[in-house]
Amino acid sequence: GKRETYYADSVKGRFAISEDYAEQTMYLEMNSLKAED
């Protein structure tokens, strides 16, 4: 509703959360993955 996102410091700049209302699905795009992920 507010279209705001929040991230843990450990993933900020690498991960992106989003949602698709039409598909009733939320997503987590994960890039530059590290072993600690």
PDB file of all heavy atoms in Angstrom:
ATOM      1  N   GLY A   1       0.806  -1.210   0.000  1.00  0.00           N
ATOM      2  CA  GLY A   1       0.000   0.000   0.000  1.00  0.00           C
ATOM      3  C   GLY A   1       0.839   1.259   0.000  1.00  0.00           C
ATOM      4  O   GLY A   1       0.551   2.208  -0.732  1.00  0.00           O
ATOM      5  N   LYS A   2       1.877   1.277   0.822  1.00  0.00           N
ATOM      6  CA  LYS A   2       2.757   2.438   0.915  1.00  0.00           C
ATOM      7  C   LYS A   2       3.879   2.392  -0.111  1.00  0.00           C
ATOM      8  O   LYS A   2       4.575   3.384  -0.308  1.00  0.00           O
ATOM      9  CB  LYS A   2       3.342   2.540   2.323  1.00  0.00           C
ATOM     10  CG  LYS A   2       2.310   2.751   3.413  1.00  0.00           C
ATOM     11  CD  LYS A   2       2.981   2.854   4.776  1.00  0.00           C
ATOM     12  CE  LYS A   2       1.956   3.082   5.866  1.00  0.00           C
ATOM     13  NZ  LYS A   2       2.594   3.182   7.209  1.00  0.00           N
ATOM     14  N   ARG A   3       4.077   1.229  -0.737  1.00  0.00           N
ATOM     15  CA  ARG A   3       5.126   1.007  -1.728  1.00  0.00           C
ATOM     16  C   ARG A   3       6.501   1.347  -1.168  1.00  0.00           C
ATOM     17  O   ARG A   3       7.309   2.026  -1.805  1.00  0.00           O
ATOM     18  CB  ARG A   3       4.829   1.795  -3.002  1.00  0.00           C
ATOM     19  CG  ARG A   3       3.538   1.330  -3.673  1.00  0.00           C
ATOM     20  CD  ARG A   3       3.225   2.113  -4.924  1.00  0.00           C
ATOM     21  NE  ARG A   3       1.991   1.620  -5.542  1.00  0.00           N
ATOM     22  CZ  ARG A   3       1.462   2.118  -6.645  1.00  0.00           C
ATOM     23  NH1 ARG A   3       2.058   3.132  -7.266  1.00  0.00           N
ATOM     24  NH2 ARG A   3       0.334   1.615  -7.128  1.00  0.00           N
ATOM     25  N   GLU A   4       6.762   0.850   0.041  1.00  0.00           N
ATOM     26  CA  GLU A   4       8.039   1.030   0.704  1.00  0.00           C
ATOM     27  C   GLU A   4       8.706  -0.324   0.903  1.00  0.00           C
ATOM     28  O   GLU A   4       8.032  -1.323   1.127  1.00  0.00           O
ATOM     29  CB  GLU A   4       7.855   1.718   2.052  1.00  0.00           C
ATOM     30  CG  GLU A   4       7.275   3.121   1.954  1.00  0.00           C
ATOM     31  CD  GLU A   4       7.023   3.740   3.309  1.00  0.00           C
ATOM     32  OE1 GLU A   4       6.971   2.998   4.311  1.00  0.00           O
ATOM     33  OE2 GLU A   4       6.869   4.972   3.376  1.00  0.00           O
ATOM     34  N   THR A   5      10.023  -0.354   0.814  1.00  0.00           N
ATOM     35  CA  THR A   5      10.781  -1.583   1.022  1.00  0.00           C
ATOM     36  C   THR A   5      11.860  -1.363   2.070  1.00  0.00           C
ATOM     37  O   THR A   5      12.352  -0.242   2.248  1.00  0.00           O
ATOM     38  CB  THR A   5      11.429  -2.078  -0.278  1.00  0.00           C
ATOM     39  OG1 THR A   5      12.295  -1.060  -0.803  1.00  0.00           O
ATOM     40  CG2 THR A   5      10.372  -2.409  -1.315  1.00  0.00           C
ATOM     41  N   TYR A   6      12.244  -2.465   2.751  1.00  0.00           N
ATOM     42  CA  TYR A   6      13.263  -2.408   3.788  1.00  0.00           C
ATOM     43  C   TYR A   6      14.158  -3.630   3.631  1.00  0.00           C
ATOM     44  O   TYR A   6      13.680  -4.710   3.289  1.00  0.00           O
ATOM     45  CB  TYR A   6      12.633  -2.391   5.178  1.00  0.00           C
ATOM     46  CG  TYR A   6      11.627  -1.280   5.381  1.00  0.00           C
ATOM     47  CD1 TYR A   6      10.285  -1.469   5.076  1.00  0.00           C
ATOM     48  CD2 TYR A   6      12.028  -0.035   5.864  1.00  0.00           C
ATOM     49  CE1 TYR A   6       9.360  -0.451   5.250  1.00  0.00           C
ATOM     50  CE2 TYR A   6      11.111   0.991   6.040  1.00  0.00           C
ATOM     51  CZ  TYR A   6       9.779   0.772   5.735  1.00  0.00           C
ATOM     52  OH  TYR A   6       8.873   1.791   5.907  1.00  0.00           O
ATOM     53  N   TYR A   7      15.456  -3.462   3.906  1.00  0.00           N
ATOM     54  CA  TYR A   7      16.412  -4.547   3.736  1.00  0.00           C
ATOM     55  C   TYR A   7      17.375  -4.645   4.911  1.00  0.00           C
ATOM     56  O   TYR A   7      17.744  -3.634   5.519  1.00  0.00           O
ATOM     57  CB  TYR A   7      17.234  -4.342   2.464  1.00  0.00           C
ATOM     58  CG  TYR A   7      16.416  -4.364   1.201  1.00  0.00           C
ATOM     59  CD1 TYR A   7      15.899  -3.185   0.669  1.00  0.00           C
ATOM     60  CD2 TYR A   7      16.155  -5.562   0.552  1.00  0.00           C
ATOM     61  CE1 TYR A   7      15.134  -3.201  -0.489  1.00  0.00           C
ATOM     62  CE2 TYR A   7      15.391  -5.580  -0.608  1.00  0.00           C
ATOM     63  CZ  TYR A   7      14.885  -4.407  -1.122  1.00  0.00           C
ATOM     64  OH  TYR A   7      14.132  -4.421  -2.265  1.00  0.00           O
ATOM     65  N   ALA A   8      17.787  -5.879   5.209  1.00  0.00           N
ATOM     66  CA  ALA A   8      18.848  -6.078   6.177  1.00  0.00           C
ATOM     67  C   ALA A   8      20.140  -5.519   5.597  1.00  0.00           C
ATOM     68  O   ALA A   8      20.348  -5.545   4.381  1.00  0.00           O
ATOM     69  CB  ALA A   8      19.009  -7.567   6.491  1.00  0.00           C
ATOM     70  N   ASP A   9      21.017  -5.020   6.460  1.00  0.00           N
ATOM     71  CA  ASP A   9      22.273  -4.441   5.995  1.00  0.00           C
ATOM     72  C   ASP A   9      23.094  -5.437   5.179  1.00  0.00           C
ATOM     73  O   ASP A   9      23.795  -5.055   4.238  1.00  0.00           O
ATOM     74  CB  ASP A   9      23.100  -3.947   7.182  1.00  0.00           C
ATOM     75  CG  ASP A   9      22.505  -2.720   7.843  1.00  0.00           C
ATOM     76  OD1 ASP A   9      21.674  -2.038   7.212  1.00  0.00           O
ATOM     77  OD2 ASP A   9      22.876  -2.435   9.004  1.00  0.00           O
ATOM     78  N   SER A  10      23.005  -6.721   5.526  1.00  0.00           N
ATOM     79  CA  SER A  10      23.803  -7.744   4.876  1.00  0.00           C
ATOM     80  C   SER A  10      23.415  -7.996   3.416  1.00  0.00           C
ATOM     81  O   SER A  10      24.202  -8.561   2.660  1.00  0.00           O
ATOM     82  CB  SER A  10      23.725  -9.057   5.658  1.00  0.00           C
ATOM     83  OG  SER A  10      22.387  -9.521   5.737  1.00  0.00           O
ATOM     84  N   VAL A  11      22.212  -7.592   3.008  1.00  0.00           N
ATOM     85  CA  VAL A  11      21.754  -7.847   1.640  1.00  0.00           C
ATOM     86  C   VAL A  11      21.444  -6.575   0.867  1.00  0.00           C
ATOM     87  O   VAL A  11      21.183  -6.640  -0.346  1.00  0.00           O
ATOM     88  CB  VAL A  11      20.511  -8.759   1.620  1.00  0.00           C
ATOM     89  CG1 VAL A  11      20.765 -10.036   2.401  1.00  0.00           C
ATOM     90  CG2 VAL A  11      19.287  -8.031   2.175  1.00  0.00           C
ATOM     91  N   LYS A  12      21.490  -5.437   1.511  1.00  0.00           N
ATOM     92  CA  LYS A  12      21.152  -4.176   0.861  1.00  0.00           C
ATOM     93  C   LYS A  12      22.062  -3.924  -0.340  1.00  0.00           C
ATOM     94  O   LYS A  12      23.274  -4.051  -0.252  1.00  0.00           O
ATOM     95  CB  LYS A  12      21.259  -3.026   1.861  1.00  0.00           C
ATOM     96  CG  LYS A  12      20.668  -1.722   1.359  1.00  0.00           C
ATOM     97  CD  LYS A  12      20.635  -0.673   2.460  1.00  0.00           C
ATOM     98  CE  LYS A  12      19.955   0.607   2.000  1.00  0.00           C
ATOM     99  NZ  LYS A  12      19.891   1.616   3.093  1.00  0.00           N
ATOM    100  N   GLY A  13      21.459  -3.582  -1.465  1.00  0.00           N
ATOM    101  CA  GLY A  13      22.203  -3.348  -2.687  1.00  0.00           C
ATOM    102  C   GLY A  13      22.365  -4.589  -3.541  1.00  0.00           C
ATOM    103  O   GLY A  13      22.759  -4.487  -4.704  1.00  0.00           O
ATOM    104  N   ARG A  14      22.064  -5.777  -2.978  1.00  0.00           N
ATOM    105  CA  ARG A  14      22.185  -7.032  -3.712  1.00  0.00           C
ATOM    106  C   ARG A  14      20.840  -7.711  -3.943  1.00  0.00           C
ATOM    107  O   ARG A  14      20.638  -8.371  -4.956  1.00  0.00           O
ATOM    108  CB  ARG A  14      23.106  -8.001  -2.969  1.00  0.00           C
ATOM    109  CG  ARG A  14      24.525  -7.476  -2.772  1.00  0.00           C
ATOM    110  CD  ARG A  14      25.446  -8.558  -2.200  1.00  0.00           C
ATOM    111  NE  ARG A  14      25.023  -8.994  -0.866  1.00  0.00           N
ATOM    112  CZ  ARG A  14      24.645 -10.231  -0.568  1.00  0.00           C
ATOM    113  NH1 ARG A  14      24.637 -11.176  -1.505  1.00  0.00           N
ATOM    114  NH2 ARG A  14      24.286 -10.541   0.676  1.00  0.00           N
ATOM    115  N   PHE A  15      19.924  -7.584  -2.981  1.00  0.00           N
ATOM    116  CA  PHE A  15      18.605  -8.220  -3.061  1.00  0.00           C
ATOM    117  C   PHE A  15      17.537  -7.180  -3.343  1.00  0.00           C
ATOM    118  O   PHE A  15      17.677  -6.007  -2.981  1.00  0.00           O
ATOM    119  CB  PHE A  15      18.264  -8.925  -1.752  1.00  0.00           C
ATOM    120  CG  PHE A  15      19.076 -10.149  -1.446  1.00  0.00           C
ATOM    121  CD1 PHE A  15      20.222 -10.468  -2.158  1.00  0.00           C
ATOM    122  CD2 PHE A  15      18.686 -10.990  -0.412  1.00  0.00           C
ATOM    123  CE1 PHE A  15      20.968 -11.594  -1.863  1.00  0.00           C
ATOM    124  CE2 PHE A  15      19.414 -12.122  -0.102  1.00  0.00           C
ATOM    125  CZ  PHE A  15      20.558 -12.430  -0.825  1.00  0.00           C
ATOM    126  N   ALA A  16      16.438  -7.607  -3.972  1.00  0.00           N
ATOM    127  CA  ALA A  16      15.311  -6.721  -4.237  1.00  0.00           C
ATOM    128  C   ALA A  16      14.000  -7.468  -4.023  1.00  0.00           C
ATOM    129  O   ALA A  16      13.771  -8.515  -4.630  1.00  0.00           O
ATOM    130  CB  ALA A  16      15.381  -6.176  -5.655  1.00  0.00           C
ATOM    131  N   ILE A  17      13.149  -6.939  -3.153  1.00  0.00           N
ATOM    132  CA  ILE A  17      11.845  -7.533  -2.900  1.00  0.00           C
ATOM    133  C   ILE A  17      10.801  -6.804  -3.747  1.00  0.00           C
ATOM    134  O   ILE A  17      10.885  -5.593  -3.952  1.00  0.00           O
ATOM    135  CB  ILE A  17      11.483  -7.466  -1.396  1.00  0.00           C
ATOM    136  CG1 ILE A  17      10.200  -8.245  -1.111  1.00  0.00           C
ATOM    137  CG2 ILE A  17      11.366  -6.021  -0.922  1.00  0.00           C
ATOM    138  CD1 ILE A  17       9.902  -8.394   0.382  1.00  0.00           C
ATOM    139  N   SER A  18       9.818  -7.552  -4.256  1.00  0.00           N
ATOM    140  CA  SER A  18       8.768  -6.959  -5.071  1.00  0.00           C
ATOM    141  C   SER A  18       7.509  -7.809  -4.982  1.00  0.00           C
ATOM    142  O   SER A  18       7.531  -8.905  -4.418  1.00  0.00           O
ATOM    143  CB  SER A  18       9.216  -6.828  -6.533  1.00  0.00           C
ATOM    144  OG  SER A  18       9.485  -8.101  -7.095  1.00  0.00           O
ATOM    145  N   GLU A  19       6.410  -7.305  -5.526  1.00  0.00           N
ATOM    146  CA  GLU A  19       5.168  -8.057  -5.554  1.00  0.00           C
ATOM    147  C   GLU A  19       4.403  -7.781  -6.841  1.00  0.00           C
ATOM    148  O   GLU A  19       4.526  -6.714  -7.429  1.00  0.00           O
ATOM    149  CB  GLU A  19       4.298  -7.735  -4.331  1.00  0.00           C
ATOM    150  CG  GLU A  19       4.028  -6.252  -4.089  1.00  0.00           C
ATOM    151  CD  GLU A  19       2.895  -5.690  -4.921  1.00  0.00           C
ATOM    152  OE1 GLU A  19       2.057  -6.480  -5.401  1.00  0.00           O
ATOM    153  OE2 GLU A  19       2.842  -4.462  -5.089  1.00  0.00           O
ATOM    154  N   ASP A  20       3.623  -8.766  -7.273  1.00  0.00           N
ATOM    155  CA  ASP A  20       2.806  -8.662  -8.478  1.00  0.00           C
ATOM    156  C   ASP A  20       1.367  -8.937  -8.069  1.00  0.00           C
ATOM    157  O   ASP A  20       1.000 -10.086  -7.811  1.00  0.00           O
ATOM    158  CB  ASP A  20       3.277  -9.658  -9.533  1.00  0.00           C
ATOM    159  CG  ASP A  20       2.578  -9.478 -10.866  1.00  0.00           C
ATOM    160  OD1 ASP A  20       1.377  -9.151 -10.879  1.00  0.00           O
ATOM    161  OD2 ASP A  20       3.230  -9.679 -11.907  1.00  0.00           O
ATOM    162  N   TYR A  21       0.553  -7.900  -8.017  1.00  0.00           N
ATOM    163  CA  TYR A  21      -0.824  -8.038  -7.554  1.00  0.00           C
ATOM    164  C   TYR A  21      -1.638  -8.954  -8.476  1.00  0.00           C
ATOM    165  O   TYR A  21      -2.406  -9.790  -8.009  1.00  0.00           O
ATOM    166  CB  TYR A  21      -1.486  -6.667  -7.457  1.00  0.00           C
ATOM    167  CG  TYR A  21      -2.921  -6.721  -6.989  1.00  0.00           C
ATOM    168  CD1 TYR A  21      -3.217  -6.913  -5.645  1.00  0.00           C
ATOM    169  CD2 TYR A  21      -3.968  -6.586  -7.890  1.00  0.00           C
ATOM    170  CE1 TYR A  21      -4.529  -6.973  -5.213  1.00  0.00           C
ATOM    171  CE2 TYR A  21      -5.291  -6.639  -7.464  1.00  0.00           C
ATOM    172  CZ  TYR A  21      -5.561  -6.838  -6.118  1.00  0.00           C
ATOM    173  OH  TYR A  21      -6.863  -6.893  -5.689  1.00  0.00           O
ATOM    174  N   ALA A  22      -1.475  -8.793  -9.794  1.00  0.00           N
ATOM    175  CA  ALA A  22      -2.229  -9.587 -10.755  1.00  0.00           C
ATOM    176  C   ALA A  22      -1.937 -11.079 -10.604  1.00  0.00           C
ATOM    177  O   ALA A  22      -2.831 -11.908 -10.767  1.00  0.00           O
ATOM    178  CB  ALA A  22      -1.933  -9.131 -12.172  1.00  0.00           C
ATOM    179  N   GLU A  23      -0.692 -11.426 -10.304  1.00  0.00           N
ATOM    180  CA  GLU A  23      -0.292 -12.822 -10.160  1.00  0.00           C
ATOM    181  C   GLU A  23      -0.389 -13.313  -8.724  1.00  0.00           C
ATOM    182  O   GLU A  23      -0.172 -14.497  -8.459  1.00  0.00           O
ATOM    183  CB  GLU A  23       1.133 -13.015 -10.666  1.00  0.00           C
ATOM    184  CG  GLU A  23       1.299 -12.747 -12.155  1.00  0.00           C
ATOM    185  CD  GLU A  23       0.544 -13.735 -13.010  1.00  0.00           C
ATOM    186  OE1 GLU A  23       0.359 -14.895 -12.570  1.00  0.00           O
ATOM    187  OE2 GLU A  23       0.123 -13.365 -14.121  1.00  0.00           O
ATOM    188  N   GLN A  24      -0.693 -12.403  -7.792  1.00  0.00           N
ATOM    189  CA  GLN A  24      -0.776 -12.753  -6.381  1.00  0.00           C
ATOM    190  C   GLN A  24       0.502 -13.471  -5.928  1.00  0.00           C
ATOM    191  O   GLN A  24       0.466 -14.540  -5.301  1.00  0.00           O
ATOM    192  CB  GLN A  24      -2.012 -13.602  -6.089  1.00  0.00           C
ATOM    193  CG  GLN A  24      -3.316 -12.809  -6.153  1.00  0.00           C
ATOM    194  CD  GLN A  24      -3.449 -11.838  -4.990  1.00  0.00           C
ATOM    195  OE1 GLN A  24      -3.740 -12.222  -3.853  1.00  0.00           O
ATOM    196  NE2 GLN A  24      -3.226 -10.552  -5.261  1.00  0.00           N
ATOM    197  N   THR A  25       1.636 -12.859  -6.264  1.00  0.00           N
ATOM    198  CA  THR A  25       2.935 -13.435  -5.966  1.00  0.00           C
ATOM    199  C   THR A  25       3.905 -12.357  -5.498  1.00  0.00           C
ATOM    200  O   THR A  25       3.908 -11.253  -6.038  1.00  0.00           O
ATOM    201  CB  THR A  25       3.523 -14.130  -7.209  1.00  0.00           C
ATOM    202  OG1 THR A  25       2.597 -15.099  -7.700  1.00  0.00           O
ATOM    203  CG2 THR A  25       4.834 -14.829  -6.874  1.00  0.00           C
ATOM    204  N   MET A  26       4.722 -12.677  -4.503  1.00  0.00           N
ATOM    205  CA  MET A  26       5.803 -11.789  -4.101  1.00  0.00           C
ATOM    206  C   MET A  26       7.121 -12.452  -4.465  1.00  0.00           C
ATOM    207  O   MET A  26       7.213 -13.682  -4.555  1.00  0.00           O
ATOM    208  CB  MET A  26       5.747 -11.461  -2.604  1.00  0.00           C
ATOM    209  CG  MET A  26       5.818 -12.652  -1.672  1.00  0.00           C
ATOM    210  SD  MET A  26       5.690 -12.180   0.082  1.00  0.00           S
ATOM    211  CE  MET A  26       7.239 -11.333   0.308  1.00  0.00           C
ATOM    212  N   TYR A  27       8.161 -11.635  -4.672  1.00  0.00           N
ATOM    213  CA  TYR A  27       9.437 -12.131  -5.164  1.00  0.00           C
ATOM    214  C   TYR A  27      10.604 -11.610  -4.342  1.00  0.00           C
ATOM    215  O   TYR A  27      10.506 -10.584  -3.658  1.00  0.00           O
ATOM    216  CB  TYR A  27       9.654 -11.702  -6.614  1.00  0.00           C
ATOM    217  CG  TYR A  27       8.569 -12.127  -7.561  1.00  0.00           C
ATOM    218  CD1 TYR A  27       7.513 -11.270  -7.870  1.00  0.00           C
ATOM    219  CD2 TYR A  27       8.593 -13.384  -8.150  1.00  0.00           C
ATOM    220  CE1 TYR A  27       6.512 -11.656  -8.748  1.00  0.00           C
ATOM    221  CE2 TYR A  27       7.595 -13.778  -9.025  1.00  0.00           C
ATOM    222  CZ  TYR A  27       6.559 -12.916  -9.324  1.00  0.00           C
ATOM    223  OH  TYR A  27       5.573 -13.299 -10.191  1.00  0.00           O
ATOM    224  N   LEU A  28      11.715 -12.329  -4.429  1.00  0.00           N
ATOM    225  CA  LEU A  28      12.976 -11.866  -3.874  1.00  0.00           C
ATOM    226  C   LEU A  28      14.057 -12.131  -4.915  1.00  0.00           C
ATOM    227  O   LEU A  28      14.437 -13.275  -5.141  1.00  0.00           O
ATOM    228  CB  LEU A  28      13.324 -12.579  -2.564  1.00  0.00           C
ATOM    229  CG  LEU A  28      14.596 -12.081  -1.874  1.00  0.00           C
ATOM    230  CD1 LEU A  28      14.377 -10.655  -1.347  1.00  0.00           C
ATOM    231  CD2 LEU A  28      15.002 -13.007  -0.735  1.00  0.00           C
ATOM    232  N   GLU A  29      14.521 -11.064  -5.572  1.00  0.00           N
ATOM    233  CA  GLU A  29      15.630 -11.161  -6.516  1.00  0.00           C
ATOM    234  C   GLU A  29      16.929 -11.100  -5.729  1.00  0.00           C
ATOM    235  O   GLU A  29      17.151 -10.147  -4.988  1.00  0.00           O
ATOM    236  CB  GLU A  29      15.569 -10.013  -7.522  1.00  0.00           C
ATOM    237  CG  GLU A  29      14.418 -10.099  -8.511  1.00  0.00           C
ATOM    238  CD  GLU A  29      14.765 -10.903  -9.745  1.00  0.00           C
ATOM    239  OE1 GLU A  29      15.841 -11.530  -9.778  1.00  0.00           O
ATOM    240  OE2 GLU A  29      13.954 -10.910 -10.693  1.00  0.00           O
ATOM    241  N   MET A  30      17.780 -12.105  -5.892  1.00  0.00           N
ATOM    242  CA  MET A  30      19.038 -12.179  -5.164  1.00  0.00           C
ATOM    243  C   MET A  30      20.185 -12.161  -6.162  1.00  0.00           C
ATOM    244  O   MET A  30      20.286 -13.044  -7.011  1.00  0.00           O
ATOM    245  CB  MET A  30      19.091 -13.437  -4.302  1.00  0.00           C
ATOM    246  CG  MET A  30      17.927 -13.558  -3.323  1.00  0.00           C
ATOM    247  SD  MET A  30      18.096 -14.974  -2.209  1.00  0.00           S
ATOM    248  CE  MET A  30      17.937 -16.316  -3.396  1.00  0.00           C
ATOM    249  N   ASN A  31      21.044 -11.160  -6.055  1.00  0.00           N
ATOM    250  CA  ASN A  31      22.181 -10.992  -6.945  1.00  0.00           C
ATOM    251  C   ASN A  31      23.480 -10.960  -6.148  1.00  0.00           C
ATOM    252  O   ASN A  31      23.474 -10.733  -4.952  1.00  0.00           O
ATOM    253  CB  ASN A  31      22.041  -9.703  -7.758  1.00  0.00           C
ATOM    254  CG  ASN A  31      20.746  -9.623  -8.532  1.00  0.00           C
ATOM    255  OD1 ASN A  31      19.919  -8.730  -8.302  1.00  0.00           O
ATOM    256  ND2 ASN A  31      20.551 -10.553  -9.450  1.00  0.00           N
ATOM    257  N   SER A  32      24.595 -11.163  -6.848  1.00  0.00           N
ATOM    258  CA  SER A  32      25.917 -11.154  -6.214  1.00  0.00           C
ATOM    259  C   SER A  32      25.922 -12.010  -4.956  1.00  0.00           C
ATOM    260  O   SER A  32      26.397 -11.596  -3.899  1.00  0.00           O
ATOM    261  CB  SER A  32      26.332  -9.714  -5.884  1.00  0.00           C
ATOM    262  OG  SER A  32      26.371  -8.918  -7.047  1.00  0.00           O
ATOM    263  N   LEU A  33      25.409 -13.218  -5.065  1.00  0.00           N
ATOM    264  CA  LEU A  33      25.259 -14.096  -3.913  1.00  0.00           C
ATOM    265  C   LEU A  33      26.600 -14.487  -3.300  1.00  0.00           C
ATOM    266  O   LEU A  33      27.590 -14.674  -4.015  1.00  0.00           O
ATOM    267  CB  LEU A  33      24.482 -15.346  -4.303  1.00  0.00           C
ATOM    268  CG  LEU A  33      22.967 -15.130  -4.457  1.00  0.00           C
ATOM    269  CD1 LEU A  33      22.340 -16.272  -5.234  1.00  0.00           C
ATOM    270  CD2 LEU A  33      22.316 -14.988  -3.086  1.00  0.00           C
ATOM    271  N   LYS A  34      26.605 -14.597  -1.978  1.00  0.00           N
ATOM    272  CA  LYS A  34      27.778 -14.976  -1.210  1.00  0.00           C
ATOM    273  C   LYS A  34      27.506 -16.276  -0.469  1.00  0.00           C
ATOM    274  O   LYS A  34      26.351 -16.639  -0.247  1.00  0.00           O
ATOM    275  CB  LYS A  34      28.126 -13.875  -0.200  1.00  0.00           C
ATOM    276  CG  LYS A  34      28.312 -12.496  -0.795  1.00  0.00           C
ATOM    277  CD  LYS A  34      28.506 -11.459   0.298  1.00  0.00           C
ATOM    278  CE  LYS A  34      28.667 -10.069  -0.278  1.00  0.00           C
ATOM    279  NZ  LYS A  34      28.827  -9.055   0.799  1.00  0.00           N
ATOM    280  N   ALA A  35      28.564 -16.957  -0.055  1.00  0.00           N
ATOM    281  CA  ALA A  35      28.410 -18.215   0.677  1.00  0.00           C
ATOM    282  C   ALA A  35      27.573 -18.024   1.936  1.00  0.00           C
ATOM    283  O   ALA A  35      26.790 -18.904   2.312  1.00  0.00           O
ATOM    284  CB  ALA A  35      29.776 -18.791   1.030  1.00  0.00           C
ATOM    285  N   GLU A  36      27.707 -16.874   2.590  1.00  0.00           N
ATOM    286  CA  GLU A  36      26.965 -16.613   3.811  1.00  0.00           C
ATOM    287  C   GLU A  36      25.471 -16.385   3.584  1.00  0.00           C
ATOM    288  O   GLU A  36      24.702 -16.283   4.542  1.00  0.00           O
ATOM    289  CB  GLU A  36      27.562 -15.423   4.577  1.00  0.00           C
ATOM    290  CG  GLU A  36      27.755 -14.179   3.729  1.00  0.00           C
ATOM    291  CD  GLU A  36      29.167 -14.047   3.197  1.00  0.00           C
ATOM    292  OE1 GLU A  36      29.736 -15.062   2.742  1.00  0.00           O
ATOM    293  OE2 GLU A  36      29.716 -12.921   3.243  1.00  0.00           O
ATOM    294  N   ASP A  37      25.040 -16.317   2.321  1.00  0.00           N
ATOM    295  CA  ASP A  37      23.621 -16.218   2.004  1.00  0.00           C
ATOM    296  C   ASP A  37      22.941 -17.585   2.031  1.00  0.00           C
ATOM    297  O   ASP A  37      21.714 -17.662   1.935  1.00  0.00           O
ATOM    298  CB  ASP A  37      23.411 -15.586   0.633  1.00  0.00           C
ATOM    299  CG  ASP A  37      23.836 -14.129   0.579  1.00  0.00           C
ATOM    300  OD1 ASP A  37      23.568 -13.395   1.554  1.00  0.00           O
ATOM    301  OD2 ASP A  37      24.429 -13.723  -0.440  1.00  0.00           O
TER     302      ASP A  37
END
